Amino acid sequence: MTFQTVRATCTALALAGLYCALAAVPAHADTPVGWEGQALGLSAAQQQSQGEGVTVAVLDSGAEAGHPALEGRVTTGPDFLKDGLQSGDPEWGGHGTAMASDVLKVAPKAKVLSVRVINDEEDDETTYQELQELRKLGKSPIAEGIRYAVDHGADVISMSLGTADSWGADYSGEETSAVAYALNKGVPVLASAGNAGDEFNGTSYPAGYAGVIAVAATQQNGERADFSTVHTYNDVAAPGVAIMSAKNTGGYEAVNGTSPACALAAGVVALMYAKNPDLTPAQVNDILIATTNRPPEGGGPLLGYGAIDAAAAVAAAASPPKDETAPIAHKGKQHLATPDGTPKTTHPDLEQGLWTTGLAAAGTGLALLTGGALLIRSARREPPTGTASIPPPPGPSTG
């Protein structure tokens, strides 16, 4: 055999191997997995399940379905925000593309239903006010998105979004009803806990709604990320620092927040559903909590019941605990407390003595305040007796 023949044969074998390798490459590219893979126990979890047959609805700012990390795995639903932005605009799909890629990083054979309910302008007060007006009119994009997702085949709903207001202005009865609709249809709902850290104790919605699995964020050492909201509604935690996620303009970037933590957690739930499609939302919640890496001090407002262990959660999904959340007929008394004869539509009379004392005190305080104000105004109007007013220093006029 000549050298040329040997070289030709080797070349042919090499090309054949290359063609085989190319044929084996999937149509999409997987989002890079960093420290979160080990923290979640992702490798062991994906040996049990990869999310086959499961659809995760990502309610967010839209997702660029053509990104290599999403290609062939994303269905685009309606735009309930209806702000005129479209795919390709800078404020369209930045956050949503990242979150969809994080879901698929965990559950690579799952499908994503992208439903647009927010935009990417986090600090736009006008957008916020418009959203509030829609909610007041009973047209919450979030509520509409939840109902659409349930009615169009979503098995899991992931919402890496939220608001926080200490006066409860962001609470929405319409959204509460939509969450209940999802849960009654057997669809678990996850939301990011919020990025207010420990400085603001307001409730972030939708994480604060009853039945929603609120996800806090951990850093590389397993402790709470500084930005992760501290609140009693926190259920579980997932990695949320330097999470490599897809960009709507192509490529990848590191993302921080309880947003990627929620998306990663939703991916874990997708793995669980692929393992056992009959899971109920209550069973999903119970399994996630029971299999966490529990903090030494136990559950609390920092990380809920602890960091998610994906491998343990998927394994436990095969034999879930009994769901005891079915409606139960009330058999107790008809009153929360023993009736005391107080009329239902009136209040007891005010104690007149206290009322008179309070009114007199208020009058005295008002008089003193008024007198003080008059003294101050008088002092500003005239210089004190026995002194002369001091003229301004010479110099150019400043107008």
Protein backbone atom coordinates (compact mmCIF):
# COMPACT_ATOMS: atom_id res chain seq x y z
CA MET A 1 0.00 0.00 0.00
CA THR A 2 1.51 3.32 -1.03
CA PHE A 3 1.78 6.37 1.15
CA GLN A 4 -0.82 8.15 -0.97
CA THR A 5 -3.26 5.25 -0.49
CA VAL A 6 -2.71 5.20 3.26
CA ARG A 7 -3.22 8.97 3.44
CA ALA A 8 -6.36 8.76 1.31
CA THR A 9 -7.75 5.99 3.51
CA CYS A 10 -7.02 7.93 6.69
CA THR A 11 -8.58 11.04 5.19
CA ALA A 12 -11.69 9.12 4.26
CA LEU A 13 -11.98 7.66 7.76
CA ALA A 14 -11.44 11.07 9.32
CA LEU A 15 -14.12 12.65 7.13
CA ALA A 16 -16.48 9.82 7.91
CA GLY A 17 -15.90 10.37 11.62
CA LEU A 18 -16.46 14.10 11.19
CA TYR A 19 -19.74 13.51 9.35
CA CYS A 20 -20.88 11.19 12.14
CA ALA A 21 -19.93 13.77 14.75
CA LEU A 22 -21.78 16.51 12.89
CA ALA A 23 -24.83 14.30 12.59
CA ALA A 24 -24.78 13.72 16.33
CA VAL A 25 -24.71 17.44 17.18
CA PRO A 26 -28.22 18.60 18.17
CA ALA A 27 -29.97 21.41 16.35
CA HIS A 28 -29.51 23.60 19.40
CA ALA A 29 -26.60 24.52 21.63
CA ASP A 30 -26.82 24.02 25.38
CA THR A 31 -26.34 27.00 27.66
CA PRO A 32 -23.04 26.68 29.55
CA VAL A 33 -23.39 25.15 33.01
CA GLY A 34 -21.34 26.71 35.80
CA TRP A 35 -21.20 26.17 39.55
CA GLU A 36 -24.98 25.83 39.66
CA GLY A 37 -24.71 22.38 38.12
CA GLN A 38 -22.83 20.96 41.07
CA ALA A 39 -24.89 22.93 43.59
CA LEU A 40 -28.12 21.45 42.24
CA GLY A 41 -26.76 17.93 41.72
CA LEU A 42 -27.72 18.41 38.09
CA SER A 43 -25.69 15.62 36.52
CA ALA A 44 -27.29 12.96 38.74
CA ALA A 45 -30.73 14.48 38.21
CA GLN A 46 -30.43 14.45 34.41
CA GLN A 47 -29.46 10.78 34.49
CA GLN A 48 -32.96 10.16 35.85
CA SER A 49 -34.88 12.64 33.70
CA GLN A 50 -34.31 15.37 31.12
CA GLY A 51 -37.79 16.86 31.05
CA GLU A 52 -39.19 14.84 28.16
CA GLY A 53 -42.77 15.75 27.28
CA VAL A 54 -42.99 18.63 29.76
CA THR A 55 -43.89 22.21 28.86
CA VAL A 56 -42.72 25.06 31.07
CA ALA A 57 -44.49 28.38 30.56
CA VAL A 58 -42.03 31.24 31.02
CA LEU A 59 -44.01 34.40 31.73
CA ASP A 60 -41.55 37.16 31.07
CA SER A 61 -40.45 39.74 28.48
CA GLY A 62 -40.47 37.34 25.52
CA ALA A 63 -37.87 34.87 24.29
CA GLU A 64 -35.86 34.99 21.07
CA ALA A 65 -36.74 31.54 19.76
CA GLY A 66 -33.93 31.67 17.19
CA HIS A 67 -31.16 31.75 19.78
CA PRO A 68 -29.09 28.53 19.55
CA ALA A 69 -29.89 27.73 23.18
CA LEU A 70 -33.63 27.90 22.46
CA GLU A 71 -33.93 26.86 18.84
CA GLY A 72 -36.54 24.21 18.25
CA ARG A 73 -37.66 24.20 21.87
CA VAL A 74 -39.68 27.41 22.26
CA THR A 75 -43.25 28.23 21.29
CA THR A 76 -44.15 31.93 21.37
CA GLY A 77 -47.52 32.77 22.85
CA PRO A 78 -49.38 36.08 22.83
CA ASP A 79 -48.07 39.42 24.04
CA PHE A 80 -50.37 40.45 26.87
CA LEU A 81 -48.37 43.58 27.64
CA LYS A 82 -49.31 45.06 24.24
CA ASP A 83 -46.84 47.93 24.41
CA GLY A 84 -45.96 47.89 20.72
CA LEU A 85 -42.50 46.33 21.11
CA GLN A 86 -41.55 43.38 18.94
CA SER A 87 -38.85 40.77 18.67
CA GLY A 88 -35.58 42.51 17.85
CA ASP A 89 -36.27 45.61 19.97
CA PRO A 90 -33.71 46.16 22.77
CA GLU A 91 -36.42 45.98 25.43
CA TRP A 92 -37.98 42.82 24.00
CA GLY A 93 -36.83 39.43 25.17
CA GLY A 94 -33.65 40.25 27.06
CA HIS A 95 -34.73 38.92 30.42
CA GLY A 96 -37.11 36.32 29.00
CA THR A 97 -34.50 34.79 26.70
CA ALA A 98 -32.14 34.38 29.64
CA MET A 99 -34.78 32.75 31.82
CA ALA A 100 -35.92 30.36 29.08
CA SER A 101 -32.32 29.23 28.59
CA ASP A 102 -31.93 28.62 32.32
CA VAL A 103 -35.01 26.39 32.35
CA LEU A 104 -33.68 24.41 29.40
CA LYS A 105 -30.22 24.19 30.93
CA VAL A 106 -31.75 22.05 33.66
CA ALA A 107 -34.38 20.27 31.54
CA PRO A 108 -32.85 20.06 28.04
CA LYS A 109 -35.66 17.97 26.54
CA ALA A 110 -38.49 20.09 27.90
CA LYS A 111 -40.38 22.67 25.86
CA VAL A 112 -40.84 26.33 26.71
CA LEU A 113 -44.03 28.31 26.12
CA SER A 114 -43.00 31.96 26.10
CA VAL A 115 -45.73 34.40 27.14
CA ARG A 116 -44.89 38.10 27.27
CA VAL A 117 -46.24 39.93 30.32
CA ILE A 118 -43.45 42.43 31.14
CA ASN A 119 -40.77 44.38 29.30
CA ASP A 120 -37.07 44.70 30.05
CA GLU A 121 -37.15 48.26 31.40
CA GLU A 122 -36.94 47.58 35.14
CA ASP A 123 -36.95 51.20 36.31
CA ASP A 124 -39.45 52.69 33.89
CA GLU A 125 -42.00 54.42 36.14
CA THR A 126 -44.34 55.01 33.22
CA THR A 127 -44.42 51.31 32.39
CA TYR A 128 -45.05 50.50 36.04
CA GLN A 129 -47.96 52.93 36.24
CA GLU A 130 -49.43 51.53 33.03
CA LEU A 131 -49.25 48.03 34.49
CA GLN A 132 -50.98 49.25 37.64
CA GLU A 133 -53.74 50.85 35.60
CA LEU A 134 -54.28 47.62 33.69
CA ARG A 135 -54.55 45.74 36.97
CA LYS A 136 -57.10 48.20 38.30
CA LEU A 137 -59.15 47.62 35.14
CA GLY A 138 -59.03 43.87 35.68
CA LYS A 139 -56.67 43.35 32.75
CA SER A 140 -53.49 42.20 34.45
CA PRO A 141 -51.05 40.82 31.84
CA ILE A 142 -49.74 38.44 34.48
CA ALA A 143 -53.19 37.04 35.25
CA GLU A 144 -53.98 36.71 31.55
CA GLY A 145 -50.63 35.02 30.96
CA ILE A 146 -51.22 32.48 33.72
CA ARG A 147 -54.64 31.52 32.39
CA TYR A 148 -53.38 31.31 28.82
CA ALA A 149 -50.50 29.07 29.85
CA VAL A 150 -52.80 26.71 31.73
CA ASP A 151 -55.25 26.53 28.84
CA HIS A 152 -52.49 25.86 26.30
CA GLY A 153 -50.76 22.88 27.79
CA ALA A 154 -48.30 24.24 30.35
CA ASP A 155 -47.26 21.71 32.98
CA VAL A 156 -45.26 24.24 35.01
CA ILE A 157 -45.42 28.05 35.22
CA SER A 158 -42.23 30.01 35.90
CA MET A 159 -42.40 33.73 36.71
CA SER A 160 -39.03 35.39 37.27
CA LEU A 161 -40.69 38.70 38.02
CA GLY A 162 -42.21 40.59 40.87
CA THR A 163 -42.97 43.84 42.59
CA ALA A 164 -42.73 44.93 46.20
CA ASP A 165 -44.74 47.50 48.07
CA SER A 166 -45.10 47.78 51.83
CA TRP A 167 -48.63 49.12 51.48
CA GLY A 168 -49.85 46.19 49.39
CA ALA A 169 -50.56 48.28 46.30
CA ASP A 170 -49.19 45.56 44.06
CA TYR A 171 -51.52 42.87 45.37
CA SER A 172 -54.03 41.84 42.72
CA GLY A 173 -57.18 39.86 43.31
CA GLU A 174 -57.23 39.03 39.62
CA GLU A 175 -53.76 37.51 39.79
CA THR A 176 -54.65 35.63 42.98
CA SER A 177 -57.59 34.11 41.17
CA ALA A 178 -55.39 33.18 38.19
CA VAL A 179 -52.90 31.43 40.47
CA ALA A 180 -55.76 29.50 42.07
CA TYR A 181 -56.99 28.56 38.60
CA ALA A 182 -53.57 27.12 37.73
CA LEU A 183 -53.29 25.17 40.96
CA ASN A 184 -56.80 23.76 40.61
CA LYS A 185 -55.87 22.60 37.11
CA GLY A 186 -52.80 20.82 38.50
CA VAL A 187 -50.18 23.31 37.31
CA PRO A 188 -47.55 24.39 39.89
CA VAL A 189 -46.56 28.05 39.88
CA LEU A 190 -43.07 29.29 40.78
CA ALA A 191 -41.91 32.89 41.22
CA SER A 192 -38.72 34.68 42.18
CA ALA A 193 -38.65 35.80 45.81
CA GLY A 194 -37.41 39.30 44.94
CA ASN A 195 -34.13 41.23 45.01
CA ALA A 196 -34.76 43.56 47.94
CA GLY A 197 -32.24 41.88 50.26
CA ASP A 198 -32.86 42.36 53.97
CA GLU A 199 -33.54 46.09 53.85
CA PHE A 200 -37.16 46.04 52.74
CA ASN A 201 -39.82 43.79 54.18
CA GLY A 202 -42.45 44.41 51.54
CA THR A 203 -44.13 41.51 49.83
CA SER A 204 -43.14 40.80 46.24
CA TYR A 205 -45.93 39.53 44.04
CA PRO A 206 -46.51 37.00 42.57
CA ALA A 207 -44.14 35.27 45.04
CA GLY A 208 -46.37 36.35 47.92
CA TYR A 209 -49.58 34.83 46.60
CA ALA A 210 -50.86 31.74 48.40
CA GLY A 211 -49.82 28.53 46.67
CA VAL A 212 -46.91 30.02 44.72
CA ILE A 213 -43.50 28.40 45.28
CA ALA A 214 -41.24 31.35 46.12
CA VAL A 215 -37.57 30.81 45.22
CA ALA A 216 -34.74 32.64 47.00
CA ALA A 217 -31.18 32.83 45.65
CA THR A 218 -27.93 31.33 46.93
CA GLN A 219 -24.33 32.26 46.17
CA GLN A 220 -21.44 29.92 45.47
CA ASN A 221 -20.79 29.09 49.14
CA GLY A 222 -24.41 28.04 49.63
CA GLU A 223 -25.38 31.07 51.68
CA ARG A 224 -28.06 33.58 50.77
CA ALA A 225 -27.11 35.99 48.02
CA ASP A 226 -26.99 39.51 49.47
CA PHE A 227 -29.74 40.74 47.16
CA SER A 228 -32.16 37.86 47.81
CA THR A 229 -35.27 39.06 49.61
CA VAL A 230 -35.62 37.94 53.21
CA HIS A 231 -39.25 37.01 53.78
CA THR A 232 -41.40 34.40 55.47
CA TYR A 233 -42.99 33.37 52.16
CA ASN A 234 -39.70 31.92 50.87
CA ASP A 235 -40.11 28.19 50.21
CA VAL A 236 -36.83 27.00 48.68
CA ALA A 237 -33.64 28.41 47.21
CA ALA A 238 -31.53 27.87 44.09
CA PRO A 239 -28.30 29.33 42.65
CA GLY A 240 -28.66 32.96 41.63
CA VAL A 241 -25.18 34.46 41.24
CA ALA A 242 -23.17 34.53 37.98
CA ILE A 243 -25.55 32.18 36.15
CA MET A 244 -24.56 31.96 32.47
CA SER A 245 -27.70 32.70 30.47
CA ALA A 246 -28.59 33.35 26.83
CA LYS A 247 -28.72 36.94 25.52
CA ASN A 248 -31.48 38.13 23.19
CA THR A 249 -28.75 39.56 20.95
CA GLY A 250 -26.84 36.28 20.81
CA GLY A 251 -24.21 34.69 22.98
CA TYR A 252 -24.31 34.39 26.76
CA GLU A 253 -23.74 36.51 29.84
CA ALA A 254 -23.63 36.04 33.60
CA VAL A 255 -26.87 36.95 35.35
CA ASN A 256 -27.53 37.62 39.04
CA GLY A 257 -30.85 37.56 40.82
CA THR A 258 -33.68 35.49 42.18
CA SER A 259 -34.85 35.43 38.56
CA PRO A 260 -32.37 32.76 37.39
CA ALA A 261 -32.92 30.95 40.70
CA CYS A 262 -36.62 30.66 39.88
CA ALA A 263 -35.94 29.52 36.30
CA LEU A 264 -33.50 26.84 37.45
CA ALA A 265 -36.02 25.66 40.04
CA ALA A 266 -38.72 25.47 37.35
CA GLY A 267 -36.36 23.31 35.30
CA VAL A 268 -36.03 20.95 38.27
CA VAL A 269 -39.83 20.72 38.50
CA ALA A 270 -39.89 19.85 34.79
CA LEU A 271 -37.49 16.97 35.51
CA MET A 272 -39.83 15.83 38.28
CA TYR A 273 -42.87 15.92 36.01
CA ALA A 274 -41.12 13.93 33.33
CA LYS A 275 -40.41 11.33 36.01
CA ASN A 276 -44.00 11.38 37.27
CA PRO A 277 -46.63 13.25 35.19
CA ASP A 278 -49.27 12.66 37.87
CA LEU A 279 -47.70 14.97 40.45
CA THR A 280 -49.95 17.61 41.95
CA PRO A 281 -48.76 21.14 42.80
CA ALA A 282 -48.93 20.28 46.49
CA GLN A 283 -46.78 17.20 45.96
CA VAL A 284 -44.24 19.21 43.98
CA ASN A 285 -43.99 21.73 46.80
CA ASP A 286 -43.74 19.03 49.46
CA ILE A 287 -41.04 17.11 47.58
CA LEU A 288 -38.93 20.20 46.93
CA ILE A 289 -39.10 21.12 50.61
CA ALA A 290 -38.51 17.59 51.93
CA THR A 291 -35.41 17.03 49.77
CA THR A 292 -33.60 20.35 50.24
CA ASN A 293 -30.14 20.76 51.66
CA ARG A 294 -31.60 22.09 54.91
CA PRO A 295 -29.70 24.90 56.65
CA PRO A 296 -28.24 23.97 60.07
CA GLU A 297 -30.67 26.36 61.74
CA GLY A 298 -33.63 24.86 59.89
CA GLY A 299 -36.15 26.61 57.68
CA GLY A 300 -36.53 30.37 57.87
CA PRO A 301 -37.00 33.61 55.92
CA LEU A 302 -33.49 33.60 54.44
CA LEU A 303 -33.58 30.51 52.20
CA GLY A 304 -36.97 29.04 53.01
CA TYR A 305 -36.49 25.35 53.76
CA GLY A 306 -33.11 25.28 52.00
CA ALA A 307 -31.34 24.87 48.68
CA ILE A 308 -32.90 22.55 46.10
CA ASP A 309 -31.30 19.12 45.60
CA ALA A 310 -32.41 18.29 42.06
CA ALA A 311 -31.25 14.67 42.12
CA ALA A 312 -33.08 13.94 45.37
CA ALA A 313 -36.21 15.76 44.22
CA VAL A 314 -36.41 13.82 40.95
CA ALA A 315 -35.84 10.53 42.75
CA ALA A 316 -38.58 11.34 45.28
CA ALA A 317 -41.02 12.25 42.50
CA ALA A 318 -41.42 8.56 41.69
CA SER A 319 -43.09 7.94 45.08
CA PRO A 320 -44.66 11.24 46.16
CA PRO A 321 -46.30 11.83 49.53
CA LYS A 322 -50.09 11.71 49.65
CA ASP A 323 -51.76 14.92 48.58
CA GLU A 324 -54.16 15.89 51.36
CA THR A 325 -55.12 19.30 49.98
CA ALA A 326 -58.57 18.25 48.68
CA PRO A 327 -61.51 20.40 49.83
CA ILE A 328 -62.86 19.28 53.20
CA ALA A 329 -66.33 20.10 54.48
CA HIS A 330 -66.31 22.47 57.44
CA LYS A 331 -67.65 20.71 60.55
CA GLY A 332 -66.87 23.29 63.18
CA LYS A 333 -68.86 26.15 64.65
CA GLN A 334 -70.25 28.88 62.45
CA HIS A 335 -68.35 31.64 64.25
CA LEU A 336 -64.63 32.26 64.67
CA ALA A 337 -65.32 33.32 68.27
CA THR A 338 -68.15 33.03 70.74
CA PRO A 339 -70.78 35.71 69.96
CA ASP A 340 -70.81 38.43 72.63
CA GLY A 341 -73.93 40.27 71.59
CA THR A 342 -72.13 43.09 69.80
CA PRO A 343 -74.28 44.34 66.87
CA LYS A 344 -72.83 43.29 63.53
CA THR A 345 -73.27 46.69 61.86
CA THR A 346 -72.38 49.11 64.67
CA HIS A 347 -69.45 49.82 66.95
CA PRO A 348 -69.61 50.18 70.74
CA ASP A 349 -70.00 53.75 71.95
CA LEU A 350 -66.81 55.71 72.42
CA GLU A 351 -65.76 56.46 75.98
CA GLN A 352 -66.79 60.11 76.26
CA GLY A 353 -64.25 60.96 78.93
CA LEU A 354 -61.34 59.81 76.82
CA TRP A 355 -62.78 61.55 73.77
CA THR A 356 -63.08 64.88 75.65
CA THR A 357 -59.57 64.61 77.09
CA GLY A 358 -58.11 63.84 73.69
CA LEU A 359 -59.95 66.69 72.04
CA ALA A 360 -58.77 69.15 74.68
CA ALA A 361 -55.19 67.97 74.35
CA ALA A 362 -55.37 68.32 70.58
CA GLY A 363 -56.73 71.85 70.93
CA THR A 364 -53.97 72.85 73.30
CA GLY A 365 -51.33 71.43 71.00
CA LEU A 366 -52.80 73.27 68.03
CA ALA A 367 -52.79 76.54 69.93
CA LEU A 368 -49.17 76.13 70.98
CA LEU A 369 -48.20 75.21 67.43
CA THR A 370 -50.01 78.24 66.03
CA GLY A 371 -48.41 80.55 68.59
CA GLY A 372 -44.98 79.16 67.81
CA ALA A 373 -45.51 79.73 64.11
CA LEU A 374 -46.55 83.33 64.72
CA LEU A 375 -43.48 83.96 66.86
CA ILE A 376 -41.23 82.55 64.16
CA ARG A 377 -42.86 84.65 61.47
CA SER A 378 -42.56 87.73 63.67
CA ALA A 379 -38.88 87.06 64.29
CA ARG A 380 -38.26 86.83 60.59
CA ARG A 381 -40.16 90.04 59.88
CA GLU A 382 -38.26 92.42 62.25
CA PRO A 383 -34.85 92.45 63.92
CA PRO A 384 -34.86 92.19 67.73
CA THR A 385 -35.34 95.38 69.73
CA GLY A 386 -32.17 97.34 70.38
CA THR A 387 -30.30 96.05 67.35
CA ALA A 388 -29.88 97.33 63.85
CA SER A 389 -30.41 95.32 60.76
CA ILE A 390 -27.14 94.39 59.09
CA PRO A 391 -26.91 95.50 55.49
CA PRO A 392 -25.65 93.06 52.85
CA PRO A 393 -21.97 93.21 52.00
CA PRO A 394 -20.99 95.23 48.96
CA GLY A 395 -20.55 93.34 45.71
CA PRO A 396 -22.14 92.61 42.37
CA SER A 397 -25.82 91.83 42.31
CA THR A 398 -26.71 88.19 41.71
CA GLY A 399 -30.25 88.84 40.69
